[in-house]
Amino acid sequence: VEDIKARIDALIERMTDSEVIFDLDGLSSQLKELDDELSRQALWEDQEKAQAKLKERSRIQGEIENWSQKERDLEEVLILSEFVRETADQKD
C-alpha cells in the first residue's frame, strides 16, 4: 500500500511539473484573450479570421479540459489509495 501511495505522489509531482511545461496558466490567459477578441463585432466581419479564432479557442479549451480531467482523476485515485491505506492500517 505504501508503494502505491509513493507512486501516486510521484505521479502528482510529475503532473504538477507537466502543468508548468505545458503552461496551463498561459493557455488560460490565451483563452481569455480569444474570448475578448471573439466578443468584438469587428472580428465577425472577416468570417475566415473568426473561424480560425474559434478553432484556436476550441483547441485551447480542449487542452485545458483534458488536464483538468486528469487532475480530477488523479485526486480520486489519491483519495482511494488513502482509503485503502487506512483500511489496511485498521486490519493490522
C-alpha atoms as a PDB file:
ATOM      1  CA  VAL A   1       0.000   0.000   0.000  1.00  0.00           C
ATOM      2  CA  GLU A   2       2.829   2.416   0.830  1.00  0.00           C
ATOM      3  CA  ASP A   3       4.402   1.635  -2.540  1.00  0.00           C
ATOM      4  CA  ILE A   4       1.172   2.613  -4.282  1.00  0.00           C
ATOM      5  CA  LYS A   5       0.973   5.858  -2.318  1.00  0.00           C
ATOM      6  CA  ALA A   6       4.592   6.671  -3.181  1.00  0.00           C
ATOM      7  CA  ARG A   7       3.892   6.026  -6.851  1.00  0.00           C
ATOM      8  CA  ILE A   8       0.804   8.239  -6.739  1.00  0.00           C
ATOM      9  CA  ASP A   9       2.766  11.003  -5.014  1.00  0.00           C
ATOM     10  CA  ALA A  10       5.419  10.750  -7.737  1.00  0.00           C
ATOM     11  CA  LEU A  11       2.708  10.916 -10.389  1.00  0.00           C
ATOM     12  CA  ILE A  12       1.206  14.023  -8.781  1.00  0.00           C
ATOM     13  CA  GLU A  13       4.620  15.661  -8.768  1.00  0.00           C
ATOM     14  CA  ARG A  14       5.168  14.817 -12.448  1.00  0.00           C
ATOM     15  CA  MET A  15       1.732  16.188 -13.334  1.00  0.00           C
ATOM     16  CA  THR A  16       2.468  19.396 -11.470  1.00  0.00           C
ATOM     17  CA  ASP A  17       5.743  19.704 -13.365  1.00  0.00           C
ATOM     18  CA  SER A  18       3.903  18.987 -16.624  1.00  0.00           C
ATOM     19  CA  GLU A  19       1.446  21.801 -15.933  1.00  0.00           C
ATOM     20  CA  VAL A  20       4.381  24.185 -15.886  1.00  0.00           C
ATOM     21  CA  ILE A  21       5.873  22.670 -19.040  1.00  0.00           C
ATOM     22  CA  PHE A  22       2.548  22.885 -20.865  1.00  0.00           C
ATOM     23  CA  ASP A  23       1.937  26.346 -19.370  1.00  0.00           C
ATOM     24  CA  LEU A  24      -1.679  25.930 -18.321  1.00  0.00           C
ATOM     25  CA  ASP A  25      -1.712  29.432 -16.894  1.00  0.00           C
ATOM     26  CA  GLY A  26      -0.595  30.726 -20.281  1.00  0.00           C
ATOM     27  CA  LEU A  27      -3.285  28.688 -22.020  1.00  0.00           C
ATOM     28  CA  SER A  28      -5.907  30.115 -19.684  1.00  0.00           C
ATOM     29  CA  SER A  29      -4.680  33.617 -20.497  1.00  0.00           C
ATOM     30  CA  GLN A  30      -4.801  32.867 -24.222  1.00  0.00           C
ATOM     31  CA  LEU A  31      -8.335  31.564 -23.834  1.00  0.00           C
ATOM     32  CA  LYS A  32      -9.420  34.774 -22.125  1.00  0.00           C
ATOM     33  CA  GLU A  33      -7.772  36.876 -24.843  1.00  0.00           C
ATOM     34  CA  LEU A  34      -9.524  34.845 -27.538  1.00  0.00           C
ATOM     35  CA  ASP A  35     -12.851  35.255 -25.741  1.00  0.00           C
ATOM     36  CA  ASP A  36     -12.268  39.006 -25.661  1.00  0.00           C
ATOM     37  CA  GLU A  37     -11.441  39.030 -29.385  1.00  0.00           C
ATOM     38  CA  LEU A  38     -14.434  36.857 -30.234  1.00  0.00           C
ATOM     39  CA  SER A  39     -16.749  39.236 -28.392  1.00  0.00           C
ATOM     40  CA  ARG A  40     -15.771  42.095 -30.713  1.00  0.00           C
ATOM     41  CA  GLN A  41     -18.215  42.640 -33.559  1.00  0.00           C
ATOM     42  CA  ALA A  42     -15.456  43.748 -35.949  1.00  0.00           C
ATOM     43  CA  LEU A  43     -13.868  40.286 -35.880  1.00  0.00           C
ATOM     44  CA  TRP A  44     -17.004  38.737 -37.340  1.00  0.00           C
ATOM     45  CA  GLU A  45     -16.761  40.927 -40.431  1.00  0.00           C
ATOM     46  CA  ASP A  46     -13.944  38.614 -41.541  1.00  0.00           C
ATOM     47  CA  GLN A  47     -15.559  35.184 -41.298  1.00  0.00           C
ATOM     48  CA  GLU A  48     -12.368  33.314 -42.170  1.00  0.00           C
ATOM     49  CA  LYS A  49     -10.436  35.026 -39.391  1.00  0.00           C
ATOM     50  CA  ALA A  50     -13.309  34.497 -36.944  1.00  0.00           C
ATOM     51  CA  GLN A  51     -13.445  30.777 -37.787  1.00  0.00           C
ATOM     52  CA  ALA A  52      -9.695  30.467 -37.237  1.00  0.00           C
ATOM     53  CA  LYS A  53     -10.061  32.129 -33.821  1.00  0.00           C
ATOM     54  CA  LEU A  54     -12.934  29.787 -32.919  1.00  0.00           C
ATOM     55  CA  LYS A  55     -10.845  26.784 -33.936  1.00  0.00           C
ATOM     56  CA  GLU A  56      -7.909  28.023 -31.826  1.00  0.00           C
ATOM     57  CA  ARG A  57     -10.241  28.622 -28.879  1.00  0.00           C
ATOM     58  CA  SER A  58     -11.646  25.115 -29.186  1.00  0.00           C
ATOM     59  CA  ARG A  59      -8.147  23.597 -29.249  1.00  0.00           C
ATOM     60  CA  ILE A  60      -7.026  25.515 -26.161  1.00  0.00           C
ATOM     61  CA  GLN A  61     -10.261  24.761 -24.291  1.00  0.00           C
ATOM     62  CA  GLY A  62      -9.783  21.075 -25.098  1.00  0.00           C
ATOM     63  CA  GLU A  63      -6.248  21.080 -23.708  1.00  0.00           C
ATOM     64  CA  ILE A  64      -7.361  22.789 -20.512  1.00  0.00           C
ATOM     65  CA  GLU A  65     -10.291  20.389 -20.054  1.00  0.00           C
ATOM     66  CA  ASN A  66      -8.015  17.402 -20.712  1.00  0.00           C
ATOM     67  CA  TRP A  67      -5.584  18.478 -17.987  1.00  0.00           C
ATOM     68  CA  SER A  68      -8.405  19.330 -15.605  1.00  0.00           C
ATOM     69  CA  GLN A  69      -9.888  15.857 -16.060  1.00  0.00           C
ATOM     70  CA  LYS A  70      -6.504  14.254 -15.438  1.00  0.00           C
ATOM     71  CA  GLU A  71      -6.152  16.242 -12.228  1.00  0.00           C
ATOM     72  CA  ARG A  72      -9.613  15.151 -11.049  1.00  0.00           C
ATOM     73  CA  ASP A  73      -8.852  11.526 -11.900  1.00  0.00           C
ATOM     74  CA  LEU A  74      -5.570  11.665 -10.053  1.00  0.00           C
ATOM     75  CA  GLU A  75      -7.180  13.236  -6.987  1.00  0.00           C
ATOM     76  CA  GLU A  76      -9.760  10.459  -6.989  1.00  0.00           C
ATOM     77  CA  VAL A  77      -7.031   7.831  -7.136  1.00  0.00           C
ATOM     78  CA  LEU A  78      -5.232   9.560  -4.277  1.00  0.00           C
ATOM     79  CA  ILE A  79      -8.379   9.549  -2.144  1.00  0.00           C
ATOM     80  CA  LEU A  80      -9.000   5.882  -2.905  1.00  0.00           C
ATOM     81  CA  SER A  81      -5.405   4.946  -2.118  1.00  0.00           C
ATOM     82  CA  GLU A  82      -5.655   6.804   1.195  1.00  0.00           C
ATOM     83  CA  PHE A  83      -8.831   4.882   1.972  1.00  0.00           C
ATOM     84  CA  VAL A  84      -7.100   1.573   1.160  1.00  0.00           C
ATOM     85  CA  ARG A  85      -4.136   2.516   3.351  1.00  0.00           C
ATOM     86  CA  GLU A  86      -6.365   3.455   6.270  1.00  0.00           C
ATOM     87  CA  THR A  87      -8.347   0.259   5.865  1.00  0.00           C
ATOM     88  CA  ALA A  88      -5.157  -1.794   5.801  1.00  0.00           C
ATOM     89  CA  ASP A  89      -3.897   0.031   8.914  1.00  0.00           C
ATOM     90  CA  GLN A  90      -7.110  -0.797  10.778  1.00  0.00           C
ATOM     91  CA  LYS A  91      -6.732  -4.502   9.974  1.00  0.00           C
ATOM     92  CA  ASP A  92      -3.203  -4.608  11.412  1.00  0.00           C
END
